[in-house]
Amino acid sequence: MSETKFTNRNLAQTVAQSIWEAEDAIDRAVAAVARVATTAADGRLSHKVPAMVGNKALAHTSASLSALSDARSFIVEAHGEFSLAAEDLKVNPARLFGPGQTKPERPIQPSALTEAA
């Protein structure tokens, strides 16, 4: 393997690892925020608290979940773009060491969200 190919592969591997970590971090945040909403709603119901109590807080929680969903869409599409960049460096993205997940057979399609950005 030439020095350039080795260096390019190291770069691609380092970026790929960062992308996987970012995807996992966003999903952990989504799960945590969803738990906040579920806990608040279940608590209100079980304690027979009026719906107006904490309504603004729940609305903000829902908005943060929506923002995380947008962030997830952007990082997934960035992942796809970095795969193309790896190919430009003559690195096969399918051969990068990953978190053990299988890659989708279909290409990542841009969402309306990121097309508008």
PDB file of N, CA and C in Angstrom:
ATOM      1  N   MET A   1       0.857  -1.171   0.000  1.00  0.00           N
ATOM      2  CA  MET A   1       0.000   0.000   0.000  1.00  0.00           C
ATOM      3  C   MET A   1       0.905   1.237   0.000  1.00  0.00           C
ATOM      4  N   SER A   2       0.566   2.192  -0.846  1.00  0.00           N
ATOM      5  CA  SER A   2       1.399   3.389  -0.917  1.00  0.00           C
ATOM      6  C   SER A   2       1.182   4.249   0.320  1.00  0.00           C
ATOM      7  N   GLU A   3       2.142   5.120   0.579  1.00  0.00           N
ATOM      8  CA  GLU A   3       2.055   6.031   1.732  1.00  0.00           C
ATOM      9  C   GLU A   3       0.789   6.883   1.653  1.00  0.00           C
ATOM     10  N   THR A   4       0.473   7.391   0.444  1.00  0.00           N
ATOM     11  CA  THR A   4      -0.711   8.242   0.281  1.00  0.00           C
ATOM     12  C   THR A   4      -1.982   7.466   0.587  1.00  0.00           C
ATOM     13  N   LYS A   5      -2.111   6.249   0.069  1.00  0.00           N
ATOM     14  CA  LYS A   5      -3.302   5.451   0.329  1.00  0.00           C
ATOM     15  C   LYS A   5      -3.440   5.147   1.812  1.00  0.00           C
ATOM     16  N   PHE A   6      -2.321   4.843   2.468  1.00  0.00           N
ATOM     17  CA  PHE A   6      -2.348   4.569   3.899  1.00  0.00           C
ATOM     18  C   PHE A   6      -2.806   5.803   4.670  1.00  0.00           C
ATOM     19  N   THR A   7      -2.269   6.952   4.318  1.00  0.00           N
ATOM     20  CA  THR A   7      -2.647   8.204   4.981  1.00  0.00           C
ATOM     21  C   THR A   7      -4.111   8.532   4.716  1.00  0.00           C
ATOM     22  N   ASN A   8      -4.553   8.367   3.471  1.00  0.00           N
ATOM     23  CA  ASN A   8      -5.951   8.630   3.136  1.00  0.00           C
ATOM     24  C   ASN A   8      -6.885   7.704   3.901  1.00  0.00           C
ATOM     25  N   ARG A   9      -6.486   6.435   4.035  1.00  0.00           N
ATOM     26  CA  ARG A   9      -7.324   5.497   4.771  1.00  0.00           C
ATOM     27  C   ARG A   9      -7.392   5.877   6.250  1.00  0.00           C
ATOM     28  N   ASN A  10      -6.283   6.295   6.810  1.00  0.00           N
ATOM     29  CA  ASN A  10      -6.284   6.731   8.209  1.00  0.00           C
ATOM     30  C   ASN A  10      -7.205   7.930   8.405  1.00  0.00           C
ATOM     31  N   LEU A  11      -7.128   8.878   7.480  1.00  0.00           N
ATOM     32  CA  LEU A  11      -8.007  10.052   7.555  1.00  0.00           C
ATOM     33  C   LEU A  11      -9.465   9.619   7.475  1.00  0.00           C
ATOM     34  N   ALA A  12      -9.790   8.781   6.492  1.00  0.00           N
ATOM     35  CA  ALA A  12     -11.166   8.323   6.326  1.00  0.00           C
ATOM     36  C   ALA A  12     -11.642   7.564   7.560  1.00  0.00           C
ATOM     37  N   GLN A  13     -10.781   6.718   8.128  1.00  0.00           N
ATOM     38  CA  GLN A  13     -11.153   5.955   9.319  1.00  0.00           C
ATOM     39  C   GLN A  13     -11.416   6.879  10.506  1.00  0.00           C
ATOM     40  N   THR A  14     -10.582   7.888  10.668  1.00  0.00           N
ATOM     41  CA  THR A  14     -10.743   8.832  11.778  1.00  0.00           C
ATOM     42  C   THR A  14     -12.042   9.620  11.646  1.00  0.00           C
ATOM     43  N   VAL A  15     -12.337  10.075  10.434  1.00  0.00           N
ATOM     44  CA  VAL A  15     -13.592  10.810  10.206  1.00  0.00           C
ATOM     45  C   VAL A  15     -14.782   9.881  10.410  1.00  0.00           C
ATOM     46  N   ALA A  16     -14.687   8.660   9.886  1.00  0.00           N
ATOM     47  CA  ALA A  16     -15.783   7.703  10.041  1.00  0.00           C
ATOM     48  C   ALA A  16     -16.070   7.431  11.515  1.00  0.00           C
ATOM     49  N   GLN A  17     -15.021   7.253  12.302  1.00  0.00           N
ATOM     50  CA  GLN A  17     -15.210   7.009  13.733  1.00  0.00           C
ATOM     51  C   GLN A  17     -15.928   8.185  14.397  1.00  0.00           C
ATOM     52  N   SER A  18     -15.549   9.389  14.012  1.00  0.00           N
ATOM     53  CA  SER A  18     -16.202  10.584  14.565  1.00  0.00           C
ATOM     54  C   SER A  18     -17.664  10.652  14.169  1.00  0.00           C
ATOM     55  N   ILE A  19     -17.966  10.300  12.931  1.00  0.00           N
ATOM     56  CA  ILE A  19     -19.361  10.302  12.466  1.00  0.00           C
ATOM     57  C   ILE A  19     -20.185   9.298  13.264  1.00  0.00           C
ATOM     58  N   TRP A  20     -19.656   8.075  13.421  1.00  0.00           N
ATOM     59  CA  TRP A  20     -20.399   7.063  14.187  1.00  0.00           C
ATOM     60  C   TRP A  20     -20.637   7.530  15.614  1.00  0.00           C
ATOM     61  N   GLU A  21     -19.642   8.144  16.215  1.00  0.00           N
ATOM     62  CA  GLU A  21     -19.798   8.651  17.583  1.00  0.00           C
ATOM     63  C   GLU A  21     -20.866   9.737  17.636  1.00  0.00           C
ATOM     64  N   ALA A  22     -20.886  10.618  16.640  1.00  0.00           N
ATOM     65  CA  ALA A  22     -21.889  11.686  16.598  1.00  0.00           C
ATOM     66  C   ALA A  22     -23.296  11.105  16.421  1.00  0.00           C
ATOM     67  N   GLU A  23     -23.434  10.130  15.524  1.00  0.00           N
ATOM     68  CA  GLU A  23     -24.742   9.493  15.319  1.00  0.00           C
ATOM     69  C   GLU A  23     -25.236   8.855  16.617  1.00  0.00           C
ATOM     70  N   ASP A  24     -24.346   8.150  17.298  1.00  0.00           N
ATOM     71  CA  ASP A  24     -24.731   7.504  18.561  1.00  0.00           C
ATOM     72  C   ASP A  24     -25.083   8.532  19.635  1.00  0.00           C
ATOM     73  N   ALA A  25     -24.323   9.620  19.694  1.00  0.00           N
ATOM     74  CA  ALA A  25     -24.588  10.663  20.694  1.00  0.00           C
ATOM     75  C   ALA A  25     -25.952  11.304  20.455  1.00  0.00           C
ATOM     76  N   ILE A  26     -26.275  11.558  19.196  1.00  0.00           N
ATOM     77  CA  ILE A  26     -27.579  12.149  18.892  1.00  0.00           C
ATOM     78  C   ILE A  26     -28.695  11.186  19.274  1.00  0.00           C
ATOM     79  N   ASP A  27     -28.530   9.905  18.952  1.00  0.00           N
ATOM     80  CA  ASP A  27     -29.574   8.940  19.311  1.00  0.00           C
ATOM     81  C   ASP A  27     -29.719   8.798  20.831  1.00  0.00           C
ATOM     82  N   ARG A  28     -28.593   8.858  21.556  1.00  0.00           N
ATOM     83  CA  ARG A  28     -28.698   8.827  23.026  1.00  0.00           C
ATOM     84  C   ARG A  28     -29.443  10.063  23.526  1.00  0.00           C
ATOM     85  N   ALA A  29     -29.189  11.217  22.924  1.00  0.00           N
ATOM     86  CA  ALA A  29     -29.882  12.445  23.317  1.00  0.00           C
ATOM     87  C   ALA A  29     -31.370  12.353  22.988  1.00  0.00           C
ATOM     88  N   VAL A  30     -31.702  11.811  21.819  1.00  0.00           N
ATOM     89  CA  VAL A  30     -33.108  11.627  21.455  1.00  0.00           C
ATOM     90  C   VAL A  30     -33.801  10.756  22.505  1.00  0.00           C
ATOM     91  N   ALA A  31     -33.184   9.653  22.860  1.00  0.00           N
ATOM     92  CA  ALA A  31     -33.781   8.753  23.852  1.00  0.00           C
ATOM     93  C   ALA A  31     -33.942   9.442  25.206  1.00  0.00           C
ATOM     94  N   ALA A  32     -32.950  10.225  25.607  1.00  0.00           N
ATOM     95  CA  ALA A  32     -33.018  10.913  26.900  1.00  0.00           C
ATOM     96  C   ALA A  32     -34.132  11.959  26.915  1.00  0.00           C
ATOM     97  N   VAL A  33     -34.236  12.734  25.856  1.00  0.00           N
ATOM     98  CA  VAL A  33     -35.273  13.770  25.795  1.00  0.00           C
ATOM     99  C   VAL A  33     -36.656  13.123  25.713  1.00  0.00           C
ATOM    100  N   ALA A  34     -36.768  12.037  24.974  1.00  0.00           N
ATOM    101  CA  ALA A  34     -38.049  11.318  24.912  1.00  0.00           C
ATOM    102  C   ALA A  34     -38.450  10.816  26.303  1.00  0.00           C
ATOM    103  N   ARG A  35     -37.450  10.364  27.080  1.00  0.00           N
ATOM    104  CA  ARG A  35     -37.745   9.919  28.457  1.00  0.00           C
ATOM    105  C   ARG A  35     -38.246  11.083  29.310  1.00  0.00           C
ATOM    106  N   VAL A  36     -37.689  12.274  29.100  1.00  0.00           N
ATOM    107  CA  VAL A  36     -38.167  13.451  29.845  1.00  0.00           C
ATOM    108  C   VAL A  36     -39.649  13.678  29.542  1.00  0.00           C
ATOM    109  N   ALA A  37     -40.010  13.668  28.265  1.00  0.00           N
ATOM    110  CA  ALA A  37     -41.406  13.897  27.877  1.00  0.00           C
ATOM    111  C   ALA A  37     -42.323  12.810  28.436  1.00  0.00           C
ATOM    112  N   THR A  38     -41.892  11.566  28.320  1.00  0.00           N
ATOM    113  CA  THR A  38     -42.700  10.455  28.820  1.00  0.00           C
ATOM    114  C   THR A  38     -42.858  10.518  30.337  1.00  0.00           C
ATOM    115  N   THR A  39     -41.770  10.804  31.022  1.00  0.00           N
ATOM    116  CA  THR A  39     -41.815  10.885  32.488  1.00  0.00           C
ATOM    117  C   THR A  39     -42.736  12.017  32.939  1.00  0.00           C
ATOM    118  N   ALA A  40     -42.632  13.164  32.285  1.00  0.00           N
ATOM    119  CA  ALA A  40     -43.477  14.307  32.645  1.00  0.00           C
ATOM    120  C   ALA A  40     -44.952  14.009  32.390  1.00  0.00           C
ATOM    121  N   ALA A  41     -45.270  13.449  31.222  1.00  0.00           N
ATOM    122  CA  ALA A  41     -46.664  13.146  30.897  1.00  0.00           C
ATOM    123  C   ALA A  41     -47.229  12.051  31.804  1.00  0.00           C
ATOM    124  N   ASP A  42     -46.461  10.995  32.012  1.00  0.00           N
ATOM    125  CA  ASP A  42     -46.925   9.926  32.908  1.00  0.00           C
ATOM    126  C   ASP A  42     -47.098  10.437  34.332  1.00  0.00           C
ATOM    127  N   GLY A  43     -46.145  11.266  34.776  1.00  0.00           N
ATOM    128  CA  GLY A  43     -46.231  11.820  36.128  1.00  0.00           C
ATOM    129  C   GLY A  43     -47.449  12.707  36.314  1.00  0.00           C
ATOM    130  N   ARG A  44     -47.729  13.541  35.299  1.00  0.00           N
ATOM    131  CA  ARG A  44     -48.902  14.411  35.385  1.00  0.00           C
ATOM    132  C   ARG A  44     -50.171  13.580  35.497  1.00  0.00           C
ATOM    133  N   LEU A  45     -50.259  12.534  34.679  1.00  0.00           N
ATOM    134  CA  LEU A  45     -51.451  11.688  34.706  1.00  0.00           C
ATOM    135  C   LEU A  45     -51.585  10.933  36.025  1.00  0.00           C
ATOM    136  N   SER A  46     -50.507  10.345  36.490  1.00  0.00           N
ATOM    137  CA  SER A  46     -50.594   9.537  37.714  1.00  0.00           C
ATOM    138  C   SER A  46     -50.828  10.382  38.963  1.00  0.00           C
ATOM    139  N   HIS A  47     -50.399  11.643  38.918  1.00  0.00           N
ATOM    140  CA  HIS A  47     -50.599  12.529  40.070  1.00  0.00           C
ATOM    141  C   HIS A  47     -51.799  13.452  39.896  1.00  0.00           C
ATOM    142  N   LYS A  48     -52.533  13.261  38.808  1.00  0.00           N
ATOM    143  CA  LYS A  48     -53.756  14.033  38.533  1.00  0.00           C
ATOM    144  C   LYS A  48     -53.507  15.539  38.583  1.00  0.00           C
ATOM    145  N   VAL A  49     -52.418  15.958  37.948  1.00  0.00           N
ATOM    146  CA  VAL A  49     -52.060  17.374  37.856  1.00  0.00           C
ATOM    147  C   VAL A  49     -52.715  17.945  36.601  1.00  0.00           C
ATOM    148  N   PRO A  50     -53.262  19.173  36.672  1.00  0.00           N
ATOM    149  CA  PRO A  50     -53.871  19.767  35.480  1.00  0.00           C
ATOM    150  C   PRO A  50     -52.856  19.884  34.322  1.00  0.00           C
ATOM    151  N   ALA A  51     -53.335  19.721  33.100  1.00  0.00           N
ATOM    152  CA  ALA A  51     -52.474  19.737  31.913  1.00  0.00           C
ATOM    153  C   ALA A  51     -51.748  21.065  31.742  1.00  0.00           C
ATOM    154  N   MET A  52     -52.337  22.160  32.225  1.00  0.00           N
ATOM    155  CA  MET A  52     -51.676  23.463  32.060  1.00  0.00           C
ATOM    156  C   MET A  52     -50.383  23.567  32.882  1.00  0.00           C
ATOM    157  N   VAL A  53     -50.250  22.760  33.909  1.00  0.00           N
ATOM    158  CA  VAL A  53     -49.043  22.782  34.726  1.00  0.00           C
ATOM    159  C   VAL A  53     -47.918  22.084  33.954  1.00  0.00           C
ATOM    160  N   GLY A  54     -46.892  22.813  33.689  1.00  0.00           N
ATOM    161  CA  GLY A  54     -45.752  22.263  32.968  1.00  0.00           C
ATOM    162  C   GLY A  54     -45.940  22.185  31.464  1.00  0.00           C
ATOM    163  N   ASN A  55     -47.035  22.758  30.952  1.00  0.00           N
ATOM    164  CA  ASN A  55     -47.294  22.673  29.512  1.00  0.00           C
ATOM    165  C   ASN A  55     -46.190  23.325  28.684  1.00  0.00           C
ATOM    166  N   LYS A  56     -45.731  24.503  29.123  1.00  0.00           N
ATOM    167  CA  LYS A  56     -44.670  25.189  28.369  1.00  0.00           C
ATOM    168  C   LYS A  56     -43.371  24.370  28.410  1.00  0.00           C
ATOM    169  N   ALA A  57     -43.085  23.772  29.546  1.00  0.00           N
ATOM    170  CA  ALA A  57     -41.879  22.941  29.658  1.00  0.00           C
ATOM    171  C   ALA A  57     -41.970  21.741  28.725  1.00  0.00           C
ATOM    172  N   LEU A  58     -43.150  21.122  28.642  1.00  0.00           N
ATOM    173  CA  LEU A  58     -43.319  19.983  27.745  1.00  0.00           C
ATOM    174  C   LEU A  58     -43.204  20.429  26.284  1.00  0.00           C
ATOM    175  N   ALA A  59     -43.725  21.624  25.980  1.00  0.00           N
ATOM    176  CA  ALA A  59     -43.604  22.152  24.615  1.00  0.00           C
ATOM    177  C   ALA A  59     -42.135  22.369  24.253  1.00  0.00           C
ATOM    178  N   HIS A  60     -41.355  22.908  25.191  1.00  0.00           N
ATOM    179  CA  HIS A  60     -39.918  23.105  24.942  1.00  0.00           C
ATOM    180  C   HIS A  60     -39.200  21.754  24.784  1.00  0.00           C
ATOM    181  N   THR A  61     -39.625  20.781  25.569  1.00  0.00           N
ATOM    182  CA  THR A  61     -39.042  19.449  25.445  1.00  0.00           C
ATOM    183  C   THR A  61     -39.344  18.864  24.076  1.00  0.00           C
ATOM    184  N   SER A  62     -40.564  19.026  23.629  1.00  0.00           N
ATOM    185  CA  SER A  62     -40.943  18.540  22.297  1.00  0.00           C
ATOM    186  C   SER A  62     -40.158  19.257  21.204  1.00  0.00           C
ATOM    187  N   ALA A  63     -39.955  20.558  21.362  1.00  0.00           N
ATOM    188  CA  ALA A  63     -39.177  21.325  20.375  1.00  0.00           C
ATOM    189  C   ALA A  63     -37.725  20.836  20.346  1.00  0.00           C
ATOM    190  N   SER A  64     -37.186  20.500  21.503  1.00  0.00           N
ATOM    191  CA  SER A  64     -35.807  20.004  21.520  1.00  0.00           C
ATOM    192  C   SER A  64     -35.723  18.639  20.849  1.00  0.00           C
ATOM    193  N   LEU A  65     -36.757  17.831  20.989  1.00  0.00           N
ATOM    194  CA  LEU A  65     -36.787  16.538  20.307  1.00  0.00           C
ATOM    195  C   LEU A  65     -36.834  16.736  18.786  1.00  0.00           C
ATOM    196  N   SER A  66     -37.599  17.713  18.360  1.00  0.00           N
ATOM    197  CA  SER A  66     -37.664  18.027  16.932  1.00  0.00           C
ATOM    198  C   SER A  66     -36.305  18.509  16.418  1.00  0.00           C
ATOM    199  N   ALA A  67     -35.632  19.350  17.192  1.00  0.00           N
ATOM    200  CA  ALA A  67     -34.301  19.835  16.796  1.00  0.00           C
ATOM    201  C   ALA A  67     -33.300  18.678  16.716  1.00  0.00           C
ATOM    202  N   LEU A  68     -33.398  17.738  17.643  1.00  0.00           N
ATOM    203  CA  LEU A  68     -32.514  16.573  17.597  1.00  0.00           C
ATOM    204  C   LEU A  68     -32.806  15.703  16.381  1.00  0.00           C
ATOM    205  N   SER A  69     -34.072  15.605  16.016  1.00  0.00           N
ATOM    206  CA  SER A  69     -34.432  14.857  14.815  1.00  0.00           C
ATOM    207  C   SER A  69     -33.813  15.518  13.579  1.00  0.00           C
ATOM    208  N   ASP A  70     -33.855  16.844  13.534  1.00  0.00           N
ATOM    209  CA  ASP A  70     -33.209  17.570  12.429  1.00  0.00           C
ATOM    210  C   ASP A  70     -31.703  17.312  12.433  1.00  0.00           C
ATOM    211  N   ALA A  71     -31.088  17.371  13.607  1.00  0.00           N
ATOM    212  CA  ALA A  71     -29.644  17.128  13.712  1.00  0.00           C
ATOM    213  C   ALA A  71     -29.312  15.719  13.239  1.00  0.00           C
ATOM    214  N   ARG A  72     -30.157  14.763  13.571  1.00  0.00           N
ATOM    215  CA  ARG A  72     -29.935  13.374  13.154  1.00  0.00           C
ATOM    216  C   ARG A  72     -29.974  13.266  11.628  1.00  0.00           C
ATOM    217  N   SER A  73     -30.946  13.935  11.017  1.00  0.00           N
ATOM    218  CA  SER A  73     -31.032  13.920   9.551  1.00  0.00           C
ATOM    219  C   SER A  73     -29.773  14.514   8.930  1.00  0.00           C
ATOM    220  N   PHE A  74     -29.308  15.617   9.484  1.00  0.00           N
ATOM    221  CA  PHE A  74     -28.110  16.250   8.935  1.00  0.00           C
ATOM    222  C   PHE A  74     -26.871  15.366   9.082  1.00  0.00           C
ATOM    223  N   ILE A  75     -26.702  14.717  10.235  1.00  0.00           N
ATOM    224  CA  ILE A  75     -25.494  13.909  10.429  1.00  0.00           C
ATOM    225  C   ILE A  75     -25.549  12.635   9.570  1.00  0.00           C
ATOM    226  N   VAL A  76     -26.741  12.086   9.360  1.00  0.00           N
ATOM    227  CA  VAL A  76     -26.869  10.917   8.486  1.00  0.00           C
ATOM    228  C   VAL A  76     -26.496  11.301   7.057  1.00  0.00           C
ATOM    229  N   GLU A  77     -26.947  12.451   6.617  1.00  0.00           N
ATOM    230  CA  GLU A  77     -26.596  12.891   5.267  1.00  0.00           C
ATOM    231  C   GLU A  77     -25.121  13.273   5.167  1.00  0.00           C
ATOM    232  N   ALA A  78     -24.569  13.830   6.226  1.00  0.00           N
ATOM    233  CA  ALA A  78     -23.130  14.108   6.237  1.00  0.00           C
ATOM    234  C   ALA A  78     -22.352  12.801   6.110  1.00  0.00           C
ATOM    235  N   HIS A  79     -22.831  11.756   6.765  1.00  0.00           N
ATOM    236  CA  HIS A  79     -22.201  10.442   6.685  1.00  0.00           C
ATOM    237  C   HIS A  79     -22.129  10.001   5.218  1.00  0.00           C
ATOM    238  N   GLY A  80     -23.235  10.152   4.526  1.00  0.00           N
ATOM    239  CA  GLY A  80     -23.263   9.787   3.119  1.00  0.00           C
ATOM    240  C   GLY A  80     -22.296  10.613   2.281  1.00  0.00           C
ATOM    241  N   GLU A  81     -22.209  11.896   2.567  1.00  0.00           N
ATOM    242  CA  GLU A  81     -21.293  12.767   1.824  1.00  0.00           C
ATOM    243  C   GLU A  81     -19.835  12.423   2.132  1.00  0.00           C
ATOM    244  N   PHE A  82     -19.548  12.088   3.395  1.00  0.00           N
ATOM    245  CA  PHE A  82     -18.180  11.678   3.735  1.00  0.00           C
ATOM    246  C   PHE A  82     -17.819  10.351   3.067  1.00  0.00           C
ATOM    247  N   SER A  83     -18.814   9.474   2.854  1.00  0.00           N
ATOM    248  CA  SER A  83     -18.552   8.233   2.118  1.00  0.00           C
ATOM    249  C   SER A  83     -18.120   8.547   0.697  1.00  0.00           C
ATOM    250  N   LEU A  84     -18.766   9.522   0.078  1.00  0.00           N
ATOM    251  CA  LEU A  84     -18.365   9.947  -1.260  1.00  0.00           C
ATOM    252  C   LEU A  84     -16.962  10.550  -1.241  1.00  0.00           C
ATOM    253  N   ALA A  85     -16.673  11.324  -0.193  1.00  0.00           N
ATOM    254  CA  ALA A  85     -15.336  11.921  -0.076  1.00  0.00           C
ATOM    255  C   ALA A  85     -14.276  10.831   0.067  1.00  0.00           C
ATOM    256  N   ALA A  86     -14.592   9.776   0.814  1.00  0.00           N
ATOM    257  CA  ALA A  86     -13.645   8.663   0.965  1.00  0.00           C
ATOM    258  C   ALA A  86     -13.354   8.037  -0.397  1.00  0.00           C
ATOM    259  N   GLU A  87     -14.389   7.884  -1.192  1.00  0.00           N
ATOM    260  CA  GLU A  87     -14.185   7.332  -2.535  1.00  0.00           C
ATOM    261  C   GLU A  87     -13.286   8.245  -3.372  1.00  0.00           C
ATOM    262  N   ASP A  88     -13.451   9.573  -3.197  1.00  0.00           N
ATOM    263  CA  ASP A  88     -12.580  10.522  -3.899  1.00  0.00           C
ATOM    264  C   ASP A  88     -11.120  10.326  -3.509  1.00  0.00           C
ATOM    265  N   LEU A  89     -10.895   9.853  -2.267  1.00  0.00           N
ATOM    266  CA  LEU A  89      -9.531   9.590  -1.785  1.00  0.00           C
ATOM    267  C   LEU A  89      -9.071   8.171  -2.110  1.00  0.00           C
ATOM    268  N   LYS A  90      -9.885   7.474  -2.894  1.00  0.00           N
ATOM    269  CA  LYS A  90      -9.573   6.087  -3.289  1.00  0.00           C
ATOM    270  C   LYS A  90      -9.623   5.128  -2.103  1.00  0.00           C
ATOM    271  N   VAL A  91     -10.501   5.425  -1.162  1.00  0.00           N
ATOM    272  CA  VAL A  91     -10.720   4.562   0.000  1.00  0.00           C
ATOM    273  C   VAL A  91     -12.137   4.007  -0.123  1.00  0.00           C
ATOM    274  N   ASN A  92     -12.285   2.702  -0.013  1.00  0.00           N
ATOM    275  CA  ASN A  92     -13.595   2.073  -0.059  1.00  0.00           C
ATOM    276  C   ASN A  92     -14.246   2.220   1.312  1.00  0.00           C
ATOM    277  N   PRO A  93     -15.307   3.057   1.416  1.00  0.00           N
ATOM    278  CA  PRO A  93     -15.910   3.272   2.735  1.00  0.00           C
ATOM    279  C   PRO A  93     -16.462   1.994   3.365  1.00  0.00           C
ATOM    280  N   ALA A  94     -16.824   1.024   2.547  1.00  0.00           N
ATOM    281  CA  ALA A  94     -17.354  -0.240   3.080  1.00  0.00           C
ATOM    282  C   ALA A  94     -16.279  -1.047   3.800  1.00  0.00           C
ATOM    283  N   ARG A  95     -15.011  -0.729   3.574  1.00  0.00           N
ATOM    284  CA  ARG A  95     -13.914  -1.476   4.206  1.00  0.00           C
ATOM    285  C   ARG A  95     -13.385  -0.781   5.461  1.00  0.00           C
ATOM    286  N   LEU A  96     -14.006   0.312   5.850  1.00  0.00           N
ATOM    287  CA  LEU A  96     -13.574   0.989   7.081  1.00  0.00           C
ATOM    288  C   LEU A  96     -14.112   0.221   8.273  1.00  0.00           C
ATOM    289  N   PHE A  97     -13.325   0.173   9.336  1.00  0.00           N
ATOM    290  CA  PHE A  97     -13.711  -0.529  10.554  1.00  0.00           C
ATOM    291  C   PHE A  97     -14.802   0.277  11.248  1.00  0.00           C
ATOM    292  N   GLY A  98     -15.950  -0.342  11.454  1.00  0.00           N
ATOM    293  CA  GLY A  98     -17.073   0.377  12.039  1.00  0.00           C
ATOM    294  C   GLY A  98     -17.599  -0.271  13.299  1.00  0.00           C
ATOM    295  N   PRO A  99     -18.768   0.201  13.719  1.00  0.00           N
ATOM    296  CA  PRO A  99     -19.354  -0.269  14.970  1.00  0.00           C
ATOM    297  C   PRO A  99     -20.061  -1.609  14.857  1.00  0.00           C
ATOM    298  N   GLY A 100     -19.862  -2.324  13.743  1.00  0.00           N
ATOM    299  CA  GLY A 100     -20.467  -3.637  13.595  1.00  0.00           C
ATOM    300  C   GLY A 100     -21.875  -3.612  13.030  1.00  0.00           C
ATOM    301  N   GLN A 101     -22.319  -2.458  12.588  1.00  0.00           N
ATOM    302  CA  GLN A 101     -23.642  -2.356  11.983  1.00  0.00           C
ATOM    303  C   GLN A 101     -23.539  -2.647  10.494  1.00  0.00           C
ATOM    304  N   THR A 102     -24.583  -3.225   9.946  1.00  0.00           N
ATOM    305  CA  THR A 102     -24.580  -3.453   8.508  1.00  0.00           C
ATOM    306  C   THR A 102     -24.952  -2.156   7.801  1.00  0.00           C
ATOM    307  N   LYS A 103     -24.363  -1.942   6.645  1.00  0.00           N
ATOM    308  CA  LYS A 103     -24.660  -0.741   5.873  1.00  0.00           C
ATOM    309  C   LYS A 103     -25.909  -0.983   5.039  1.00  0.00           C
ATOM    310  N   PRO A 104     -26.723   0.066   4.857  1.00  0.00           N
ATOM    311  CA  PRO A 104     -27.894  -0.111   4.004  1.00  0.00           C
ATOM    312  C   PRO A 104     -27.461  -0.357   2.561  1.00  0.00           C
ATOM    313  N   GLU A 105     -28.250  -1.152   1.856  1.00  0.00           N
ATOM    314  CA  GLU A 105     -27.923  -1.427   0.460  1.00  0.00           C
ATOM    315  C   GLU A 105     -28.293  -0.261  -0.442  1.00  0.00           C
ATOM    316  N   ARG A 106     -29.247   0.537  -0.028  1.00  0.00           N
ATOM    317  CA  ARG A 106     -29.651   1.671  -0.840  1.00  0.00           C
ATOM    318  C   ARG A 106     -28.861   2.903  -0.427  1.00  0.00           C
ATOM    319  N   PRO A 107     -28.609   3.799  -1.363  1.00  0.00           N
ATOM    320  CA  PRO A 107     -27.879   5.014  -0.996  1.00  0.00           C
ATOM    321  C   PRO A 107     -28.736   5.903  -0.096  1.00  0.00           C
ATOM    322  N   ILE A 108     -28.077   6.713   0.692  1.00  0.00           N
ATOM    323  CA  ILE A 108     -28.786   7.644   1.566  1.00  0.00           C
ATOM    324  C   ILE A 108     -29.401   8.731   0.697  1.00  0.00           C
ATOM    325  N   GLN A 109     -30.715   8.907   0.823  1.00  0.00           N
ATOM    326  CA  GLN A 109     -31.413   9.917   0.040  1.00  0.00           C
ATOM    327  C   GLN A 109     -31.499  11.216   0.827  1.00  0.00           C
ATOM    328  N   PRO A 110     -31.273  12.346   0.160  1.00  0.00           N
ATOM    329  CA  PRO A 110     -31.385  13.625   0.870  1.00  0.00           C
ATOM    330  C   PRO A 110     -32.834  13.824   1.332  1.00  0.00           C
ATOM    331  N   SER A 111     -32.988  14.426   2.481  1.00  0.00           N
ATOM    332  CA  SER A 111     -34.313  14.722   2.990  1.00  0.00           C
ATOM    333  C   SER A 111     -34.702  16.128   2.551  1.00  0.00           C
ATOM    334  N   ALA A 112     -35.970  16.426   2.633  1.00  0.00           N
ATOM    335  CA  ALA A 112     -36.444  17.773   2.297  1.00  0.00           C
ATOM    336  C   ALA A 112     -35.777  18.797   3.213  1.00  0.00           C
ATOM    337  N   LEU A 113     -35.494  18.391   4.445  1.00  0.00           N
ATOM    338  CA  LEU A 113     -34.861  19.279   5.409  1.00  0.00           C
ATOM    339  C   LEU A 113     -33.492  19.735   4.927  1.00  0.00           C
ATOM    340  N   THR A 114     -32.654  18.801   4.526  1.00  0.00           N
ATOM    341  CA  THR A 114     -31.303  19.172   4.138  1.00  0.00           C
ATOM    342  C   THR A 114     -31.244  19.739   2.726  1.00  0.00           C
ATOM    343  N   GLU A 115     -32.206  19.386   1.883  1.00  0.00           N
ATOM    344  CA  GLU A 115     -32.243  19.999   0.559  1.00  0.00           C
ATOM    345  C   GLU A 115     -32.543  21.480   0.648  1.00  0.00           C
ATOM    346  N   ALA A 116     -33.323  21.870   1.672  1.00  0.00           N
ATOM    347  CA  ALA A 116     -33.677  23.273   1.858  1.00  0.00           C
ATOM    348  C   ALA A 116     -32.529  24.073   2.462  1.00  0.00           C
ATOM    349  N   ALA A 117     -31.574  23.384   3.088  1.00  0.00           N
ATOM    350  CA  ALA A 117     -30.482  24.084   3.784  1.00  0.00           C
ATOM    351  C   ALA A 117     -29.444  24.606   2.815  1.00  0.00           C
TER     352      ALA A 117
END
